[in-house]
Amino acid sequence: MSIKVTSKGGDKVRASLAARIARINKDLPGALMTCGLAVEATSVRDYLSGPRPGKLDRVSGELAASINTQSEGPYKVTVGTNKVYGPPHEFGSSRLPPRPFLRPALWDNQDNILKIITGVIRR
């Protein structure tokens, strides 16, 4: 015994899905860059200024100026610094207590990031 199932309009469904995937592929890189720039701005504004010991008080402003957002491909954005003293401040070291400035900025933006990404998918 067998059951045969057919679908009317399968080509339309396939074309509609292909169009949606193409639009997501087109819009997602820009949306990810928007998310990265929001994390960057929050880091510089909220975590690279303020009193010690909880926050990193600006001395020269070089660390804040070095925070940048870069596209690492169509589906990856990196927010970071090229300053060698960035990681010891972020994670702490034998001589420095941790005063994170990137991870909390990401956490502060996680709801907004989710809204932006789901917005691209739902459109």
Protein backbone atom coordinates (compact mmCIF):
# COMPACT_ATOMS: atom_id res chain seq x y z
CA MET A 1 0.00 0.00 0.00
CA SER A 2 1.23 3.51 -0.73
CA ILE A 3 -0.04 7.03 -0.41
CA LYS A 4 0.72 9.66 -2.99
CA VAL A 5 0.94 13.26 -1.83
CA THR A 6 1.13 16.09 -4.30
CA SER A 7 1.27 19.79 -3.82
CA LYS A 8 -0.25 22.43 -6.00
CA GLY A 9 1.75 25.59 -6.23
CA GLY A 10 5.03 24.03 -5.15
CA ASP A 11 6.92 26.14 -7.68
CA LYS A 12 5.40 29.32 -6.22
CA VAL A 13 6.39 28.30 -2.70
CA ARG A 14 9.91 27.47 -3.83
CA ALA A 15 10.22 30.82 -5.66
CA SER A 16 8.87 32.71 -2.65
CA LEU A 17 11.36 31.04 -0.32
CA ALA A 18 14.22 31.71 -2.71
CA ALA A 19 13.24 35.39 -2.86
CA ARG A 20 13.10 35.61 0.95
CA ILE A 21 16.49 33.95 1.32
CA ALA A 22 17.98 36.30 -1.27
CA ARG A 23 16.59 39.32 0.59
CA ILE A 24 17.91 38.07 3.93
CA ASN A 25 21.32 37.45 2.36
CA LYS A 26 21.25 41.02 1.02
CA ASP A 27 20.05 42.73 4.22
CA LEU A 28 21.79 40.72 6.94
CA PRO A 29 25.36 42.05 6.48
CA GLY A 30 24.18 45.65 6.95
CA ALA A 31 22.08 44.67 9.95
CA LEU A 32 25.07 42.94 11.56
CA MET A 33 27.20 46.04 10.98
CA THR A 34 24.49 48.15 12.66
CA CYS A 35 24.62 45.79 15.65
CA GLY A 36 28.41 45.99 15.83
CA LEU A 37 28.38 49.78 15.67
CA ALA A 38 25.85 49.88 18.52
CA VAL A 39 28.14 47.70 20.67
CA GLU A 40 31.10 49.91 19.76
CA ALA A 41 29.24 53.09 20.71
CA THR A 42 28.04 51.64 24.02
CA SER A 43 31.54 50.46 24.88
CA VAL A 44 33.10 53.86 24.26
CA ARG A 45 30.28 55.86 25.85
CA ASP A 46 29.45 53.72 28.89
CA TYR A 47 32.47 51.59 29.73
CA LEU A 48 35.54 53.53 28.67
CA SER A 49 34.74 56.46 30.86
CA GLY A 50 33.90 56.58 34.50
CA PRO A 51 35.57 56.25 37.85
CA ARG A 52 37.92 53.46 38.74
CA PRO A 53 37.94 50.78 39.98
CA GLY A 54 34.69 49.69 38.34
CA LYS A 55 35.22 51.37 35.00
CA LEU A 56 38.17 52.31 32.91
CA ASP A 57 38.78 56.01 33.36
CA ARG A 58 40.17 57.58 30.19
CA VAL A 59 43.79 58.63 30.45
CA SER A 60 44.80 59.36 26.87
CA GLY A 61 41.67 58.31 24.96
CA GLU A 62 43.71 56.00 22.73
CA LEU A 63 41.84 52.84 23.75
CA ALA A 64 38.46 54.47 23.13
CA ALA A 65 39.65 55.77 19.76
CA SER A 66 40.89 52.30 18.80
CA ILE A 67 37.54 50.52 19.30
CA ASN A 68 36.24 49.63 15.86
CA THR A 69 33.76 47.45 14.06
CA GLN A 70 34.89 45.41 11.07
CA SER A 71 33.09 43.10 8.71
CA GLU A 72 34.76 39.70 8.62
CA GLY A 73 32.54 38.41 5.81
CA PRO A 74 28.87 38.58 4.99
CA TYR A 75 27.71 37.04 8.28
CA LYS A 76 30.37 38.06 10.80
CA VAL A 77 31.21 41.38 12.42
CA THR A 78 34.00 41.91 14.92
CA VAL A 79 34.13 44.70 17.49
CA GLY A 80 37.50 45.16 19.15
CA THR A 81 40.75 47.00 19.59
CA ASN A 82 44.26 46.59 18.28
CA LYS A 83 45.82 48.00 21.45
CA VAL A 84 47.92 45.42 23.30
CA TYR A 85 46.66 46.66 26.65
CA GLY A 86 43.00 46.08 25.67
CA PRO A 87 42.82 42.40 26.70
CA PRO A 88 44.45 42.92 30.13
CA HIS A 89 41.88 45.61 30.89
CA GLU A 90 38.99 43.51 29.54
CA PHE A 91 39.93 40.26 31.27
CA GLY A 92 42.31 41.33 34.02
CA SER A 93 45.87 40.22 34.57
CA SER A 94 48.23 39.53 37.42
CA ARG A 95 48.62 43.28 37.92
CA LEU A 96 45.22 44.61 36.80
CA PRO A 97 41.71 43.84 37.95
CA PRO A 98 39.32 43.16 35.08
CA ARG A 99 37.46 46.25 33.88
CA PRO A 100 35.56 44.89 30.90
CA PHE A 101 34.44 47.33 28.24
CA LEU A 102 33.44 45.12 25.29
CA ARG A 103 31.49 42.22 26.81
CA PRO A 104 29.18 44.42 28.91
CA ALA A 105 28.51 46.57 25.85
CA LEU A 106 27.48 43.43 23.96
CA TRP A 107 25.24 42.31 26.84
CA ASP A 108 23.63 45.75 27.02
CA ASN A 109 22.75 45.53 23.33
CA GLN A 110 21.61 41.91 23.14
CA ASP A 111 17.87 42.70 23.06
CA ASN A 112 18.35 45.32 20.36
CA ILE A 113 20.56 42.94 18.37
CA LEU A 114 17.89 40.27 18.53
CA LYS A 115 15.24 42.76 17.33
CA ILE A 116 17.40 43.85 14.41
CA ILE A 117 18.19 40.30 13.27
CA THR A 118 14.62 39.03 13.67
CA GLY A 119 13.40 42.14 11.85
CA VAL A 120 15.55 41.22 8.84
CA ILE A 121 14.21 37.67 8.88
CA ARG A 122 10.55 38.67 9.31
CA ARG A 123 10.47 41.41 6.66
